Amino acid sequence: MIDLSTHRNLIVRQVFEVAEWFGFETRNKYEILDEHKTPVAYAAEQQKGFFGWLLRQFLGHWRSFDIHIYNSQRQLSMTAHHPFRFIFQRLEVKDNMGRYLGCIQQRFSLISKRFDVQNARGMVVMEVASPIWRIWTFEFFHGSQVVAAIRKKWSGVFSEMFTDRDNFLVEFNDPTLSTDEKQLVLAAAIFVDLKYFENKAGK
């Protein structure tokens, strides 16, 4: 397991792949760092090989994929599954023992980006919104209170122009968030990158 109890903020940093300079979508990999930029976890897309490469090139964020998240000792801590969908996309999250933690479910919205965070019982525990005037900020609401946030950070002109290298700041604003809820927020950061900022996401 990843110990999230002591972290107020985390940085999710996409690992650069040379092939992205040439316009090819590569298997997504991430480093997860604490406030001191010490690695606390890693995440990697599992679809390898030629078929996985084809899906990334032609289906982008619509494709079915799995993300595995590891702790700093490279032990599996969490898995996330994205089923194939054209609309109302969804990321289903489990812990390292296969226990279902919940999901991130896209909601209908004409202008803003919106999705729900559901717990293992299917109850909405947080609502997420990214208004059009703050397209790089995703705030997690419990009622009217902002309990967490994901903010895309500037990666530098060359990274933004030629690669998919994204950096996200994950903020746990509410100290009463449970471990399961924090894990869902962390998984949501990767969902946000793949859904809205991946090169083939139709953004």
N, C-alpha and C. Protein backbone atom coordinates (compact mmCIF):
# COMPACT_ATOMS: atom_id res chain seq x y z
N MET A 1 0.83 -1.20 0.00
CA MET A 1 0.00 0.00 0.00
C MET A 1 0.88 1.26 0.00
N ILE A 2 0.32 2.31 -0.57
CA ILE A 2 0.97 3.62 -0.52
C ILE A 2 0.43 4.35 0.70
N ASP A 3 1.31 4.80 1.57
CA ASP A 3 0.89 5.53 2.76
C ASP A 3 0.58 6.97 2.37
N LEU A 4 -0.70 7.28 2.25
CA LEU A 4 -1.12 8.63 1.88
C LEU A 4 -1.49 9.48 3.09
N SER A 5 -1.43 8.89 4.28
CA SER A 5 -1.90 9.60 5.47
C SER A 5 -1.06 10.81 5.82
N THR A 6 0.22 10.81 5.45
CA THR A 6 1.12 11.90 5.83
C THR A 6 1.29 12.96 4.74
N HIS A 7 0.62 12.78 3.62
CA HIS A 7 0.83 13.68 2.48
C HIS A 7 -0.35 14.63 2.30
N ARG A 8 -0.04 15.91 2.27
CA ARG A 8 -1.04 16.93 1.96
C ARG A 8 -1.10 17.19 0.45
N ASN A 9 0.06 17.07 -0.20
CA ASN A 9 0.14 17.29 -1.65
C ASN A 9 1.00 16.20 -2.28
N LEU A 10 0.67 15.86 -3.51
CA LEU A 10 1.48 14.95 -4.30
C LEU A 10 1.64 15.53 -5.70
N ILE A 11 2.73 15.17 -6.34
CA ILE A 11 2.98 15.57 -7.73
C ILE A 11 2.93 14.31 -8.58
N VAL A 12 2.08 14.32 -9.59
CA VAL A 12 2.01 13.22 -10.56
C VAL A 12 2.70 13.72 -11.82
N ARG A 13 3.82 13.10 -12.15
CA ARG A 13 4.65 13.57 -13.27
C ARG A 13 4.76 12.47 -14.32
N GLN A 14 4.34 12.80 -15.53
CA GLN A 14 4.43 11.82 -16.61
C GLN A 14 5.88 11.63 -17.03
N VAL A 15 6.25 10.38 -17.26
CA VAL A 15 7.61 10.04 -17.67
C VAL A 15 7.72 10.24 -19.17
N PHE A 16 8.73 10.97 -19.59
CA PHE A 16 8.93 11.30 -21.00
C PHE A 16 9.36 10.08 -21.80
N GLU A 17 8.76 9.92 -22.98
CA GLU A 17 9.14 8.87 -23.92
C GLU A 17 9.64 9.52 -25.20
N VAL A 18 10.80 9.08 -25.69
CA VAL A 18 11.42 9.70 -26.87
C VAL A 18 10.50 9.64 -28.08
N ALA A 19 9.73 8.57 -28.23
CA ALA A 19 8.87 8.41 -29.41
C ALA A 19 7.83 9.52 -29.52
N GLU A 20 7.51 10.17 -28.40
CA GLU A 20 6.51 11.23 -28.44
C GLU A 20 7.00 12.44 -29.23
N TRP A 21 8.30 12.60 -29.35
CA TRP A 21 8.82 13.69 -30.18
C TRP A 21 8.42 13.50 -31.63
N PHE A 22 8.14 12.26 -32.03
CA PHE A 22 7.83 11.96 -33.43
C PHE A 22 6.33 11.74 -33.64
N GLY A 23 5.53 12.10 -32.64
CA GLY A 23 4.09 12.05 -32.80
C GLY A 23 3.44 10.72 -32.47
N PHE A 24 4.18 9.79 -31.87
CA PHE A 24 3.63 8.48 -31.52
C PHE A 24 3.20 8.47 -30.06
N GLU A 25 2.02 7.87 -29.80
CA GLU A 25 1.57 7.69 -28.43
C GLU A 25 2.25 6.45 -27.84
N THR A 26 2.96 6.61 -26.74
CA THR A 26 3.62 5.49 -26.08
C THR A 26 2.87 5.11 -24.82
N ARG A 27 3.25 3.96 -24.24
CA ARG A 27 2.61 3.49 -23.02
C ARG A 27 2.83 4.50 -21.91
N ASN A 28 1.74 4.91 -21.27
CA ASN A 28 1.81 5.98 -20.28
C ASN A 28 2.43 5.49 -18.97
N LYS A 29 3.39 6.26 -18.46
CA LYS A 29 4.06 5.96 -17.21
C LYS A 29 4.15 7.25 -16.39
N TYR A 30 4.09 7.10 -15.07
CA TYR A 30 4.08 8.26 -14.19
C TYR A 30 4.95 8.02 -12.96
N GLU A 31 5.58 9.09 -12.49
CA GLU A 31 6.20 9.13 -11.16
C GLU A 31 5.27 9.91 -10.25
N ILE A 32 5.13 9.45 -9.02
CA ILE A 32 4.31 10.16 -8.03
C ILE A 32 5.25 10.58 -6.91
N LEU A 33 5.36 11.89 -6.70
CA LEU A 33 6.35 12.47 -5.80
C LEU A 33 5.67 13.17 -4.64
N ASP A 34 6.38 13.27 -3.51
CA ASP A 34 5.86 14.05 -2.39
C ASP A 34 6.27 15.51 -2.55
N GLU A 35 6.00 16.31 -1.51
CA GLU A 35 6.27 17.75 -1.57
C GLU A 35 7.76 18.05 -1.76
N HIS A 36 8.63 17.11 -1.35
CA HIS A 36 10.07 17.30 -1.49
C HIS A 36 10.60 16.66 -2.77
N LYS A 37 9.69 16.24 -3.64
CA LYS A 37 10.01 15.59 -4.93
C LYS A 37 10.73 14.26 -4.74
N THR A 38 10.41 13.61 -3.61
CA THR A 38 10.88 12.24 -3.38
C THR A 38 9.85 11.26 -3.92
N PRO A 39 10.25 10.29 -4.73
CA PRO A 39 9.27 9.33 -5.27
C PRO A 39 8.60 8.52 -4.17
N VAL A 40 7.29 8.47 -4.20
CA VAL A 40 6.53 7.65 -3.25
C VAL A 40 5.74 6.56 -3.96
N ALA A 41 5.59 6.68 -5.29
CA ALA A 41 4.84 5.68 -6.04
C ALA A 41 5.13 5.84 -7.52
N TYR A 42 4.73 4.83 -8.27
CA TYR A 42 4.88 4.83 -9.72
C TYR A 42 3.61 4.25 -10.32
N ALA A 43 3.30 4.65 -11.54
CA ALA A 43 2.13 4.12 -12.23
C ALA A 43 2.50 3.84 -13.68
N ALA A 44 1.91 2.79 -14.24
CA ALA A 44 2.23 2.43 -15.62
C ALA A 44 1.04 1.77 -16.28
N GLU A 45 0.79 2.15 -17.52
CA GLU A 45 -0.21 1.48 -18.34
C GLU A 45 0.31 0.08 -18.66
N GLN A 46 -0.61 -0.90 -18.67
CA GLN A 46 -0.20 -2.30 -18.81
C GLN A 46 -0.29 -2.84 -20.23
N GLN A 47 -1.00 -2.16 -21.11
CA GLN A 47 -1.16 -2.68 -22.47
C GLN A 47 0.14 -2.52 -23.25
N LYS A 48 0.87 -3.61 -23.39
CA LYS A 48 2.15 -3.59 -24.07
C LYS A 48 2.00 -4.20 -25.46
N GLY A 49 3.08 -4.22 -26.21
CA GLY A 49 3.08 -4.88 -27.50
C GLY A 49 2.45 -4.07 -28.61
N PHE A 50 2.42 -4.69 -29.79
CA PHE A 50 1.97 -3.99 -30.99
C PHE A 50 0.49 -3.65 -30.93
N PHE A 51 -0.34 -4.57 -30.39
CA PHE A 51 -1.78 -4.31 -30.32
C PHE A 51 -2.07 -3.13 -29.41
N GLY A 52 -1.40 -3.09 -28.26
CA GLY A 52 -1.57 -1.95 -27.36
C GLY A 52 -1.15 -0.66 -28.01
N TRP A 53 -0.07 -0.71 -28.79
CA TRP A 53 0.39 0.49 -29.52
C TRP A 53 -0.66 0.95 -30.51
N LEU A 54 -1.27 0.01 -31.25
CA LEU A 54 -2.31 0.38 -32.22
C LEU A 54 -3.50 1.04 -31.53
N LEU A 55 -3.92 0.49 -30.41
CA LEU A 55 -5.05 1.07 -29.69
C LEU A 55 -4.75 2.50 -29.26
N ARG A 56 -3.53 2.75 -28.80
CA ARG A 56 -3.18 4.11 -28.37
C ARG A 56 -3.19 5.08 -29.55
N GLN A 57 -2.72 4.63 -30.73
CA GLN A 57 -2.65 5.52 -31.88
C GLN A 57 -4.02 5.88 -32.42
N PHE A 58 -4.95 4.91 -32.45
CA PHE A 58 -6.19 5.10 -33.20
C PHE A 58 -7.43 5.28 -32.32
N LEU A 59 -7.39 4.81 -31.08
CA LEU A 59 -8.55 4.97 -30.21
C LEU A 59 -8.32 5.95 -29.08
N GLY A 60 -7.06 6.28 -28.81
CA GLY A 60 -6.76 7.28 -27.79
C GLY A 60 -7.41 6.94 -26.46
N HIS A 61 -8.04 7.94 -25.84
CA HIS A 61 -8.60 7.75 -24.50
C HIS A 61 -9.87 6.93 -24.48
N TRP A 62 -10.43 6.60 -25.64
CA TRP A 62 -11.62 5.73 -25.68
C TRP A 62 -11.27 4.27 -25.44
N ARG A 63 -10.02 3.90 -25.63
CA ARG A 63 -9.63 2.49 -25.58
C ARG A 63 -9.81 1.90 -24.18
N SER A 64 -9.86 0.58 -24.13
CA SER A 64 -9.80 -0.12 -22.86
C SER A 64 -8.34 -0.20 -22.42
N PHE A 65 -8.07 0.11 -21.15
CA PHE A 65 -6.70 0.01 -20.66
C PHE A 65 -6.70 -0.22 -19.15
N ASP A 66 -5.56 -0.67 -18.65
CA ASP A 66 -5.36 -0.88 -17.22
C ASP A 66 -4.13 -0.11 -16.77
N ILE A 67 -4.23 0.50 -15.61
CA ILE A 67 -3.11 1.19 -14.98
C ILE A 67 -2.79 0.49 -13.66
N HIS A 68 -1.52 0.16 -13.46
CA HIS A 68 -1.07 -0.38 -12.18
C HIS A 68 -0.26 0.69 -11.45
N ILE A 69 -0.54 0.84 -10.17
CA ILE A 69 0.16 1.82 -9.35
C ILE A 69 0.95 1.07 -8.27
N TYR A 70 2.23 1.39 -8.17
CA TYR A 70 3.15 0.69 -7.28
C TYR A 70 3.67 1.65 -6.20
N ASN A 71 4.03 1.09 -5.04
CA ASN A 71 4.65 1.92 -4.02
C ASN A 71 6.12 2.12 -4.33
N SER A 72 6.84 2.79 -3.45
CA SER A 72 8.24 3.13 -3.72
C SER A 72 9.13 1.89 -3.77
N GLN A 73 8.66 0.76 -3.21
CA GLN A 73 9.41 -0.50 -3.29
C GLN A 73 9.00 -1.32 -4.51
N ARG A 74 8.22 -0.69 -5.41
CA ARG A 74 7.75 -1.33 -6.65
C ARG A 74 6.82 -2.50 -6.37
N GLN A 75 6.10 -2.44 -5.25
CA GLN A 75 5.08 -3.44 -4.95
C GLN A 75 3.72 -2.90 -5.38
N LEU A 76 2.91 -3.77 -5.99
CA LEU A 76 1.61 -3.34 -6.48
C LEU A 76 0.74 -2.84 -5.34
N SER A 77 0.19 -1.63 -5.49
CA SER A 77 -0.64 -1.04 -4.45
C SER A 77 -2.08 -0.81 -4.89
N MET A 78 -2.28 -0.63 -6.19
CA MET A 78 -3.61 -0.26 -6.67
C MET A 78 -3.68 -0.54 -8.16
N THR A 79 -4.87 -0.90 -8.65
CA THR A 79 -5.09 -1.06 -10.08
C THR A 79 -6.29 -0.22 -10.50
N ALA A 80 -6.27 0.21 -11.75
CA ALA A 80 -7.38 0.99 -12.29
C ALA A 80 -7.69 0.46 -13.69
N HIS A 81 -8.97 0.20 -13.94
CA HIS A 81 -9.40 -0.34 -15.24
C HIS A 81 -10.34 0.65 -15.92
N HIS A 82 -10.04 0.94 -17.18
CA HIS A 82 -10.88 1.81 -18.00
C HIS A 82 -11.50 0.96 -19.10
N PRO A 83 -12.82 0.71 -19.05
CA PRO A 83 -13.46 -0.06 -20.11
C PRO A 83 -13.60 0.76 -21.38
N PHE A 84 -13.73 0.08 -22.52
CA PHE A 84 -13.91 0.77 -23.80
C PHE A 84 -15.25 1.50 -23.79
N ARG A 85 -15.18 2.83 -24.02
CA ARG A 85 -16.40 3.64 -24.07
C ARG A 85 -16.15 4.86 -24.93
N PHE A 86 -17.17 5.23 -25.73
CA PHE A 86 -17.10 6.48 -26.48
C PHE A 86 -17.63 7.65 -25.66
N ILE A 87 -18.59 7.40 -24.77
CA ILE A 87 -19.17 8.47 -23.96
C ILE A 87 -19.24 8.00 -22.51
N PHE A 88 -19.38 8.98 -21.60
CA PHE A 88 -19.52 8.72 -20.17
C PHE A 88 -18.46 7.72 -19.70
N GLN A 89 -17.22 8.14 -19.85
CA GLN A 89 -16.10 7.25 -19.54
C GLN A 89 -15.97 7.04 -18.03
N ARG A 90 -15.28 5.96 -17.69
CA ARG A 90 -15.28 5.47 -16.32
C ARG A 90 -13.93 4.83 -16.00
N LEU A 91 -13.45 5.05 -14.79
CA LEU A 91 -12.23 4.39 -14.31
C LEU A 91 -12.57 3.67 -13.02
N GLU A 92 -12.38 2.35 -13.00
CA GLU A 92 -12.72 1.52 -11.84
C GLU A 92 -11.45 1.17 -11.08
N VAL A 93 -11.46 1.39 -9.77
CA VAL A 93 -10.23 1.32 -8.97
C VAL A 93 -10.35 0.21 -7.92
N LYS A 94 -9.27 -0.58 -7.80
CA LYS A 94 -9.19 -1.63 -6.78
C LYS A 94 -7.86 -1.52 -6.05
N ASP A 95 -7.81 -2.06 -4.83
CA ASP A 95 -6.54 -2.08 -4.11
C ASP A 95 -5.72 -3.29 -4.53
N ASN A 96 -4.59 -3.49 -3.88
CA ASN A 96 -3.67 -4.56 -4.31
C ASN A 96 -4.20 -5.96 -4.02
N MET A 97 -5.25 -6.07 -3.20
CA MET A 97 -5.86 -7.35 -2.91
C MET A 97 -7.10 -7.61 -3.77
N GLY A 98 -7.39 -6.69 -4.68
CA GLY A 98 -8.56 -6.84 -5.54
C GLY A 98 -9.84 -6.29 -4.95
N ARG A 99 -9.74 -5.62 -3.80
CA ARG A 99 -10.93 -5.03 -3.18
C ARG A 99 -11.34 -3.78 -3.96
N TYR A 100 -12.61 -3.73 -4.35
CA TYR A 100 -13.11 -2.61 -5.12
C TYR A 100 -13.20 -1.37 -4.24
N LEU A 101 -12.54 -0.28 -4.67
CA LEU A 101 -12.53 0.97 -3.90
C LEU A 101 -13.60 1.94 -4.37
N GLY A 102 -13.91 1.89 -5.66
CA GLY A 102 -14.87 2.83 -6.23
C GLY A 102 -14.49 3.16 -7.65
N CYS A 103 -15.06 4.23 -8.17
CA CYS A 103 -14.79 4.59 -9.56
C CYS A 103 -14.88 6.10 -9.76
N ILE A 104 -14.34 6.52 -10.87
CA ILE A 104 -14.48 7.90 -11.35
C ILE A 104 -15.35 7.82 -12.59
N GLN A 105 -16.51 8.47 -12.56
CA GLN A 105 -17.51 8.36 -13.61
C GLN A 105 -17.77 9.72 -14.25
N GLN A 106 -17.54 9.82 -15.55
CA GLN A 106 -17.80 11.07 -16.27
C GLN A 106 -19.30 11.37 -16.27
N ARG A 107 -19.63 12.66 -16.14
CA ARG A 107 -21.02 13.11 -16.17
C ARG A 107 -21.27 13.95 -17.41
N PHE A 108 -22.54 14.05 -17.78
CA PHE A 108 -22.91 14.87 -18.92
C PHE A 108 -22.72 16.35 -18.58
N SER A 109 -22.08 17.07 -19.49
CA SER A 109 -21.93 18.52 -19.34
C SER A 109 -21.62 19.10 -20.71
N LEU A 110 -22.32 20.16 -21.06
CA LEU A 110 -22.12 20.78 -22.37
C LEU A 110 -20.84 21.61 -22.43
N ILE A 111 -20.47 22.23 -21.33
CA ILE A 111 -19.36 23.18 -21.36
C ILE A 111 -18.21 22.74 -20.46
N SER A 112 -18.48 22.55 -19.19
CA SER A 112 -17.41 22.24 -18.24
C SER A 112 -17.12 20.74 -18.23
N LYS A 113 -16.01 20.38 -17.62
CA LYS A 113 -15.65 18.98 -17.41
C LYS A 113 -16.17 18.57 -16.04
N ARG A 114 -16.96 17.49 -16.00
CA ARG A 114 -17.56 17.07 -14.74
C ARG A 114 -17.52 15.56 -14.62
N PHE A 115 -17.25 15.07 -13.41
CA PHE A 115 -17.40 13.65 -13.14
C PHE A 115 -17.61 13.44 -11.65
N ASP A 116 -18.10 12.25 -11.33
CA ASP A 116 -18.36 11.87 -9.94
C ASP A 116 -17.31 10.89 -9.46
N VAL A 117 -17.04 10.95 -8.17
CA VAL A 117 -16.24 9.92 -7.50
C VAL A 117 -17.20 9.10 -6.65
N GLN A 118 -17.31 7.82 -6.97
CA GLN A 118 -18.21 6.93 -6.25
C GLN A 118 -17.41 5.97 -5.39
N ASN A 119 -17.95 5.65 -4.21
CA ASN A 119 -17.27 4.69 -3.34
C ASN A 119 -17.64 3.26 -3.75
N ALA A 120 -17.21 2.29 -2.96
CA ALA A 120 -17.42 0.88 -3.31
C ALA A 120 -18.89 0.51 -3.33
N ARG A 121 -19.74 1.26 -2.63
CA ARG A 121 -21.17 0.98 -2.61
C ARG A 121 -21.93 1.73 -3.70
N GLY A 122 -21.21 2.46 -4.55
CA GLY A 122 -21.85 3.20 -5.62
C GLY A 122 -22.38 4.56 -5.22
N MET A 123 -22.08 4.99 -4.01
CA MET A 123 -22.53 6.31 -3.54
C MET A 123 -21.55 7.39 -4.00
N VAL A 124 -22.08 8.52 -4.43
CA VAL A 124 -21.24 9.64 -4.84
C VAL A 124 -20.68 10.31 -3.59
N VAL A 125 -19.36 10.26 -3.43
CA VAL A 125 -18.72 10.85 -2.26
C VAL A 125 -18.06 12.19 -2.58
N MET A 126 -17.79 12.43 -3.86
CA MET A 126 -17.24 13.71 -4.30
C MET A 126 -17.72 14.00 -5.71
N GLU A 127 -17.97 15.27 -5.99
CA GLU A 127 -18.28 15.72 -7.34
C GLU A 127 -17.14 16.60 -7.82
N VAL A 128 -16.75 16.40 -9.07
CA VAL A 128 -15.58 17.08 -9.61
C VAL A 128 -16.00 17.98 -10.76
N ALA A 129 -15.47 19.20 -10.77
CA ALA A 129 -15.80 20.15 -11.83
C ALA A 129 -14.56 20.92 -12.25
N SER A 130 -14.49 21.19 -13.55
CA SER A 130 -13.43 22.02 -14.12
C SER A 130 -14.10 23.02 -15.05
N PRO A 131 -14.37 24.23 -14.58
CA PRO A 131 -15.08 25.21 -15.41
C PRO A 131 -14.22 25.69 -16.57
N ILE A 132 -14.87 26.26 -17.58
CA ILE A 132 -14.16 26.65 -18.81
C ILE A 132 -13.16 27.77 -18.56
N TRP A 133 -13.32 28.54 -17.50
CA TRP A 133 -12.36 29.62 -17.23
C TRP A 133 -11.17 29.13 -16.40
N ARG A 134 -11.19 27.84 -15.98
CA ARG A 134 -10.04 27.25 -15.27
C ARG A 134 -9.88 25.80 -15.75
N ILE A 135 -9.53 25.66 -17.03
CA ILE A 135 -9.56 24.35 -17.66
C ILE A 135 -8.46 23.42 -17.15
N TRP A 136 -7.48 23.94 -16.43
CA TRP A 136 -6.40 23.11 -15.90
C TRP A 136 -6.58 22.81 -14.41
N THR A 137 -7.75 23.13 -13.86
CA THR A 137 -8.02 22.90 -12.45
C THR A 137 -9.27 22.04 -12.29
N PHE A 138 -9.16 20.99 -11.49
CA PHE A 138 -10.28 20.09 -11.21
C PHE A 138 -10.47 20.06 -9.70
N GLU A 139 -11.59 20.60 -9.24
CA GLU A 139 -11.86 20.66 -7.80
C GLU A 139 -12.86 19.57 -7.40
N PHE A 140 -12.59 18.94 -6.26
CA PHE A 140 -13.43 17.86 -5.74
C PHE A 140 -14.30 18.44 -4.62
N PHE A 141 -15.59 18.38 -4.82
CA PHE A 141 -16.53 18.95 -3.86
C PHE A 141 -17.24 17.86 -3.07
N HIS A 142 -17.36 18.10 -1.77
CA HIS A 142 -18.27 17.34 -0.92
C HIS A 142 -19.28 18.36 -0.41
N GLY A 143 -20.46 18.36 -1.02
CA GLY A 143 -21.38 19.47 -0.78
C GLY A 143 -20.80 20.73 -1.40
N SER A 144 -20.67 21.77 -0.60
CA SER A 144 -20.09 23.03 -1.10
C SER A 144 -18.61 23.17 -0.76
N GLN A 145 -18.05 22.20 -0.05
CA GLN A 145 -16.65 22.27 0.40
C GLN A 145 -15.72 21.63 -0.62
N VAL A 146 -14.62 22.32 -0.94
CA VAL A 146 -13.58 21.75 -1.80
C VAL A 146 -12.66 20.90 -0.91
N VAL A 147 -12.72 19.57 -1.10
CA VAL A 147 -11.97 18.67 -0.23
C VAL A 147 -10.66 18.19 -0.87
N ALA A 148 -10.54 18.37 -2.19
CA ALA A 148 -9.32 17.98 -2.90
C ALA A 148 -9.29 18.71 -4.23
N ALA A 149 -8.14 18.70 -4.87
CA ALA A 149 -8.03 19.36 -6.18
C ALA A 149 -6.89 18.73 -6.97
N ILE A 150 -7.03 18.79 -8.29
CA ILE A 150 -5.98 18.40 -9.22
C ILE A 150 -5.71 19.60 -10.10
N ARG A 151 -4.45 20.00 -10.18
CA ARG A 151 -4.08 21.17 -10.98
C ARG A 151 -2.97 20.78 -11.95
N LYS A 152 -3.22 20.97 -13.22
CA LYS A 152 -2.18 20.72 -14.22
C LYS A 152 -1.18 21.86 -14.17
N LYS A 153 0.10 21.50 -14.13
CA LYS A 153 1.16 22.49 -14.03
C LYS A 153 1.89 22.60 -15.35
N TRP A 154 2.40 23.79 -15.63
CA TRP A 154 3.13 24.05 -16.86
C TRP A 154 4.39 23.20 -16.91
N SER A 155 4.57 22.46 -18.03
CA SER A 155 5.70 21.53 -18.16
C SER A 155 6.86 22.10 -18.95
N GLY A 156 6.72 23.31 -19.46
CA GLY A 156 7.77 23.88 -20.31
C GLY A 156 7.34 23.87 -21.76
N VAL A 157 7.82 24.83 -22.53
CA VAL A 157 7.33 25.03 -23.88
C VAL A 157 7.58 23.82 -24.77
N PHE A 158 8.74 23.17 -24.67
CA PHE A 158 9.02 22.03 -25.54
C PHE A 158 8.18 20.82 -25.15
N SER A 159 8.00 20.60 -23.84
CA SER A 159 7.18 19.49 -23.41
C SER A 159 5.74 19.67 -23.87
N GLU A 160 5.21 20.89 -23.73
CA GLU A 160 3.82 21.13 -24.10
C GLU A 160 3.61 21.03 -25.60
N MET A 161 4.58 21.45 -26.40
CA MET A 161 4.42 21.48 -27.84
C MET A 161 4.63 20.11 -28.49
N PHE A 162 5.59 19.34 -27.99
CA PHE A 162 6.02 18.17 -28.73
C PHE A 162 5.77 16.85 -28.02
N THR A 163 5.43 16.85 -26.76
CA THR A 163 5.21 15.60 -26.05
C THR A 163 3.95 15.70 -25.22
N ASP A 164 3.58 14.55 -24.64
CA ASP A 164 2.44 14.49 -23.72
C ASP A 164 2.89 14.57 -22.27
N ARG A 165 4.08 15.07 -22.02
CA ARG A 165 4.59 15.07 -20.65
C ARG A 165 3.82 16.07 -19.81
N ASP A 166 3.00 15.56 -18.91
CA ASP A 166 2.15 16.40 -18.08
C ASP A 166 2.57 16.27 -16.62
N ASN A 167 2.34 17.35 -15.88
CA ASN A 167 2.59 17.38 -14.45
C ASN A 167 1.33 17.85 -13.75
N PHE A 168 0.95 17.14 -12.69
CA PHE A 168 -0.26 17.49 -11.96
C PHE A 168 0.06 17.60 -10.47
N LEU A 169 -0.47 18.63 -9.85
CA LEU A 169 -0.41 18.77 -8.40
C LEU A 169 -1.72 18.23 -7.83
N VAL A 170 -1.61 17.25 -6.94
CA VAL A 170 -2.77 16.67 -6.28
C VAL A 170 -2.81 17.22 -4.86
N GLU A 171 -3.90 17.88 -4.51
CA GLU A 171 -4.04 18.50 -3.18
C GLU A 171 -5.12 17.77 -2.39
N PHE A 172 -4.77 17.32 -1.19
CA PHE A 172 -5.75 16.75 -0.26
C PHE A 172 -6.06 17.85 0.76
N ASN A 173 -7.11 18.59 0.52
CA ASN A 173 -7.41 19.76 1.35
C ASN A 173 -8.11 19.41 2.65
N ASP A 174 -8.87 18.33 2.65
CA ASP A 174 -9.65 17.95 3.83
C ASP A 174 -8.91 16.85 4.58
N PRO A 175 -8.46 17.11 5.82
CA PRO A 175 -7.71 16.10 6.57
C PRO A 175 -8.55 14.88 6.95
N THR A 176 -9.88 14.97 6.81
CA THR A 176 -10.73 13.83 7.17
C THR A 176 -10.95 12.87 6.00
N LEU A 177 -10.35 13.14 4.85
CA LEU A 177 -10.48 12.21 3.73
C LEU A 177 -9.93 10.84 4.13
N SER A 178 -10.67 9.80 3.82
CA SER A 178 -10.22 8.44 4.14
C SER A 178 -9.12 8.01 3.18
N THR A 179 -8.43 6.93 3.53
CA THR A 179 -7.40 6.40 2.64
C THR A 179 -7.98 5.99 1.30
N ASP A 180 -9.16 5.35 1.32
CA ASP A 180 -9.80 4.97 0.06
C ASP A 180 -10.12 6.19 -0.79
N GLU A 181 -10.61 7.25 -0.16
CA GLU A 181 -10.94 8.46 -0.91
C GLU A 181 -9.69 9.10 -1.51
N LYS A 182 -8.60 9.11 -0.75
CA LYS A 182 -7.35 9.66 -1.28
C LYS A 182 -6.84 8.83 -2.46
N GLN A 183 -6.98 7.53 -2.36
CA GLN A 183 -6.55 6.68 -3.47
C GLN A 183 -7.40 6.95 -4.72
N LEU A 184 -8.69 7.21 -4.54
CA LEU A 184 -9.55 7.53 -5.68
C LEU A 184 -9.16 8.88 -6.29
N VAL A 185 -8.81 9.85 -5.45
CA VAL A 185 -8.36 11.14 -5.97
C VAL A 185 -7.06 10.97 -6.76
N LEU A 186 -6.14 10.17 -6.23
CA LEU A 186 -4.88 9.93 -6.93
C LEU A 186 -5.14 9.26 -8.28
N ALA A 187 -6.00 8.26 -8.31
CA ALA A 187 -6.35 7.60 -9.58
C ALA A 187 -7.02 8.58 -10.53
N ALA A 188 -7.80 9.51 -9.98
CA ALA A 188 -8.47 10.51 -10.82
C ALA A 188 -7.47 11.40 -11.54
N ALA A 189 -6.32 11.66 -10.93
CA ALA A 189 -5.30 12.49 -11.59
C ALA A 189 -4.83 11.84 -12.88
N ILE A 190 -4.65 10.53 -12.86
CA ILE A 190 -4.25 9.82 -14.08
C ILE A 190 -5.40 9.79 -15.07
N PHE A 191 -6.62 9.59 -14.57
CA PHE A 191 -7.81 9.62 -15.43
C PHE A 191 -7.92 10.97 -16.13
N VAL A 192 -7.70 12.05 -15.41
CA VAL A 192 -7.77 13.40 -15.99
C VAL A 192 -6.74 13.55 -17.10
N ASP A 193 -5.53 13.07 -16.87
CA ASP A 193 -4.50 13.19 -17.90
C ASP A 193 -4.89 12.42 -19.16
N LEU A 194 -5.31 11.18 -18.99
CA LEU A 194 -5.63 10.35 -20.15
C LEU A 194 -6.91 10.81 -20.85
N LYS A 195 -7.84 11.34 -20.10
CA LYS A 195 -9.12 11.76 -20.68
C LYS A 195 -9.01 13.11 -21.38
N TYR A 196 -8.31 14.05 -20.78
CA TYR A 196 -8.37 15.43 -21.27
C TYR A 196 -7.06 15.96 -21.86
N PHE A 197 -5.93 15.34 -21.55
CA PHE A 197 -4.66 15.93 -21.98
C PHE A 197 -3.81 15.01 -22.84
N GLU A 198 -4.21 13.76 -22.99
CA GLU A 198 -3.46 12.88 -23.88
C GLU A 198 -3.59 13.39 -25.31
N ASN A 199 -2.54 13.19 -26.09
CA ASN A 199 -2.46 13.75 -27.44
C ASN A 199 -3.62 13.35 -28.32
N LYS A 200 -4.16 12.13 -28.13
CA LYS A 200 -5.24 11.64 -28.97
C LYS A 200 -6.60 11.85 -28.32
N ALA A 201 -6.66 12.70 -27.30
CA ALA A 201 -7.91 12.83 -26.56
C ALA A 201 -8.91 13.72 -27.24
N GLY A 202 -8.59 14.27 -28.37
CA GLY A 202 -9.55 15.11 -29.06
C GLY A 202 -9.81 16.40 -28.36
N LYS A 203 -8.80 16.88 -27.66
CA LYS A 203 -8.98 18.11 -26.91
C LYS A 203 -8.89 19.33 -27.80
